[in-house]
C-alpha atoms as a PDB file:
ATOM      1  CA  MET A   1    -102.886-119.912  96.549  1.00  0.00           C
ATOM      2  CA  GLY A   2    -103.036-116.260  97.371  1.00  0.00           C
ATOM      3  CA  ILE A   3    -101.529-113.109  95.944  1.00  0.00           C
ATOM      4  CA  ASN A   4     -98.564-113.390  98.320  1.00  0.00           C
ATOM      5  CA  ASP A   5     -97.739-116.785  96.880  1.00  0.00           C
ATOM      6  CA  GLY A   6     -97.808-115.256  93.377  1.00  0.00           C
ATOM      7  CA  LEU A   7     -95.578-112.388  94.428  1.00  0.00           C
ATOM      8  CA  ALA A   8     -93.067-114.757  96.068  1.00  0.00           C
ATOM      9  CA  ALA A   9     -93.036-116.979  92.990  1.00  0.00           C
ATOM     10  CA  ALA A  10     -92.589-113.999  90.660  1.00  0.00           C
ATOM     11  CA  SER A  11     -89.603-112.883  92.720  1.00  0.00           C
ATOM     12  CA  ARG A  12     -88.023-116.351  92.431  1.00  0.00           C
ATOM     13  CA  PHE A  13     -88.628-116.373  88.670  1.00  0.00           C
ATOM     14  CA  LEU A  14     -86.949-112.963  88.305  1.00  0.00           C
ATOM     15  CA  ASP A  15     -83.975-114.141  90.341  1.00  0.00           C
ATOM     16  CA  LEU A  16     -83.660-117.206  88.046  1.00  0.00           C
ATOM     17  CA  ILE A  17     -83.982-115.426  84.676  1.00  0.00           C
ATOM     18  CA  GLY A  18     -82.672-111.958  85.554  1.00  0.00           C
ATOM     19  CA  ALA A  19     -84.973-109.057  86.437  1.00  0.00           C
ATOM     20  CA  ASP A  20     -83.316-106.865  83.794  1.00  0.00           C
ATOM     21  CA  ARG A  21     -84.739-109.120  81.074  1.00  0.00           C
ATOM     22  CA  ILE A  22     -88.361-108.474  82.125  1.00  0.00           C
ATOM     23  CA  GLU A  23     -90.320-105.317  81.380  1.00  0.00           C
ATOM     24  CA  LEU A  24     -93.618-106.138  83.105  1.00  0.00           C
ATOM     25  CA  VAL A  25     -94.795-108.673  85.655  1.00  0.00           C
ATOM     26  CA  THR A  26     -98.512-109.290  86.279  1.00  0.00           C
ATOM     27  CA  VAL A  27     -99.457-111.300  89.356  1.00  0.00           C
ATOM     28  CA  THR A  28    -102.881-112.654  90.290  1.00  0.00           C
ATOM     29  CA  PRO A  29    -103.612-115.214  93.005  1.00  0.00           C
ATOM     30  CA  ASN A  30    -103.225-118.095  90.520  1.00  0.00           C
ATOM     31  CA  ARG A  31    -101.105-116.708  87.657  1.00  0.00           C
ATOM     32  CA  VAL A  32     -97.828-114.930  86.926  1.00  0.00           C
ATOM     33  CA  SER A  33     -97.399-113.333  83.517  1.00  0.00           C
ATOM     34  CA  LEU A  34     -94.077-112.056  82.281  1.00  0.00           C
ATOM     35  CA  LEU A  35     -93.445-109.646  79.406  1.00  0.00           C
ATOM     36  CA  PRO A  36     -89.796-109.706  78.373  1.00  0.00           C
ATOM     37  CA  ALA A  37     -88.012-106.433  77.601  1.00  0.00           C
ATOM     38  CA  ASP A  38     -87.041-108.070  74.284  1.00  0.00           C
ATOM     39  CA  LEU A  39     -89.703-110.394  72.845  1.00  0.00           C
ATOM     40  CA  LYS A  40     -86.975-112.268  70.994  1.00  0.00           C
ATOM     41  CA  GLU A  41     -85.916-113.671  74.387  1.00  0.00           C
ATOM     42  CA  GLY A  42     -89.407-114.844  75.355  1.00  0.00           C
ATOM     43  CA  GLU A  43     -89.146-118.428  74.222  1.00  0.00           C
ATOM     44  CA  GLN A  44     -85.746-118.856  75.907  1.00  0.00           C
ATOM     45  CA  ILE A  45     -87.107-117.400  79.152  1.00  0.00           C
ATOM     46  CA  ALA A  46     -90.170-119.667  78.970  1.00  0.00           C
ATOM     47  CA  ARG A  47     -87.997-122.736  78.458  1.00  0.00           C
ATOM     48  CA  THR A  48     -85.816-121.743  81.405  1.00  0.00           C
ATOM     49  CA  LEU A  49     -88.976-121.743  83.520  1.00  0.00           C
ATOM     50  CA  GLY A  50     -90.044-125.112  82.068  1.00  0.00           C
ATOM     51  CA  LEU A  51     -93.006-123.726  80.068  1.00  0.00           C
ATOM     52  CA  THR A  52     -93.637-125.814  76.982  1.00  0.00           C
ATOM     53  CA  VAL A  53     -97.184-125.092  75.780  1.00  0.00           C
ATOM     54  CA  PRO A  54     -97.319-122.395  73.056  1.00  0.00           C
ATOM     55  CA  LEU A  55    -100.394-120.386  72.053  1.00  0.00           C
ATOM     56  CA  ASP A  56     -99.813-118.525  68.802  1.00  0.00           C
ATOM     57  CA  HIS A  57    -101.664-115.229  68.220  1.00  0.00           C
ATOM     58  CA  ARG A  58    -101.278-114.701  64.480  1.00  0.00           C
ATOM     59  CA  MET A  59    -104.031-112.102  64.072  1.00  0.00           C
ATOM     60  CA  PHE A  60    -102.238-109.528  66.254  1.00  0.00           C
ATOM     61  CA  VAL A  61     -99.875-107.136  64.581  1.00  0.00           C
ATOM     62  CA  PRO A  62     -97.224-108.065  65.209  1.00  0.00           C
ATOM     63  CA  GLY A  63     -98.100-111.655  65.974  1.00  0.00           C
ATOM     64  CA  ASN A  64     -96.862-113.200  69.202  1.00  0.00           C
ATOM     65  CA  THR A  65     -96.747-116.483  71.099  1.00  0.00           C
ATOM     66  CA  VAL A  66     -97.661-116.946  74.727  1.00  0.00           C
ATOM     67  CA  TRP A  67     -95.794-119.814  76.368  1.00  0.00           C
ATOM     68  CA  THR A  68     -97.574-121.275  79.344  1.00  0.00           C
ATOM     69  CA  GLY A  69     -97.289-124.034  81.902  1.00  0.00           C
ATOM     70  CA  GLU A  70     -97.379-124.656  85.609  1.00  0.00           C
ATOM     71  CA  ARG A  71     -94.622-123.855  88.046  1.00  0.00           C
ATOM     72  CA  ASP A  72     -94.747-123.687  91.846  1.00  0.00           C
ATOM     73  CA  GLY A  73     -98.472-124.422  91.714  1.00  0.00           C
ATOM     74  CA  LEU A  74     -99.232-121.380  89.526  1.00  0.00           C
ATOM     75  CA  GLU A  75    -100.029-120.905  85.871  1.00  0.00           C
ATOM     76  CA  VAL A  76     -97.084-119.032  84.371  1.00  0.00           C
ATOM     77  CA  GLN A  77     -97.168-117.208  81.050  1.00  0.00           C
ATOM     78  CA  VAL A  78     -94.350-115.607  79.045  1.00  0.00           C
ATOM     79  CA  ARG A  79     -94.985-113.607  75.908  1.00  0.00           C
ATOM     80  CA  SER A  80     -92.606-113.933  73.003  1.00  0.00           C
ATOM     81  CA  MET A  81     -92.336-113.013  69.358  1.00  0.00           C
ATOM     82  CA  LEU A  82     -94.368-115.288  67.092  1.00  0.00           C
ATOM     83  CA  ARG A  83     -92.618-118.619  66.821  1.00  0.00           C
ATOM     84  CA  GLN A  84     -91.821-120.027  63.437  1.00  0.00           C
ATOM     85  CA  VAL A  85     -93.517-123.391  63.176  1.00  0.00           C
ATOM     86  CA  VAL A  86     -91.738-125.944  61.035  1.00  0.00           C
ATOM     87  CA  ALA A  87     -94.137-127.742  58.696  1.00  0.00           C
ATOM     88  CA  ARG A  88     -93.753-131.504  58.607  1.00  0.00           C
END
């Protein structure tokens, strides 16, 4: 994969979820990272892209969750507000 593949994939992702919902896109040859304009929408955006692996960052202020997974041969990450884990 090259940077052009990442740029093309990022464009497809924005078409799917709506470019107006994203504040920042970071593209590297193997990764696309999306920062939603509203972190409250991050988990929904991640699920739309099929990302199901959460990484919670509780020590940051405010805390946040990075949803990650693979799509179109790239690692894709979407930041969201810290998810509320339900204790079992």
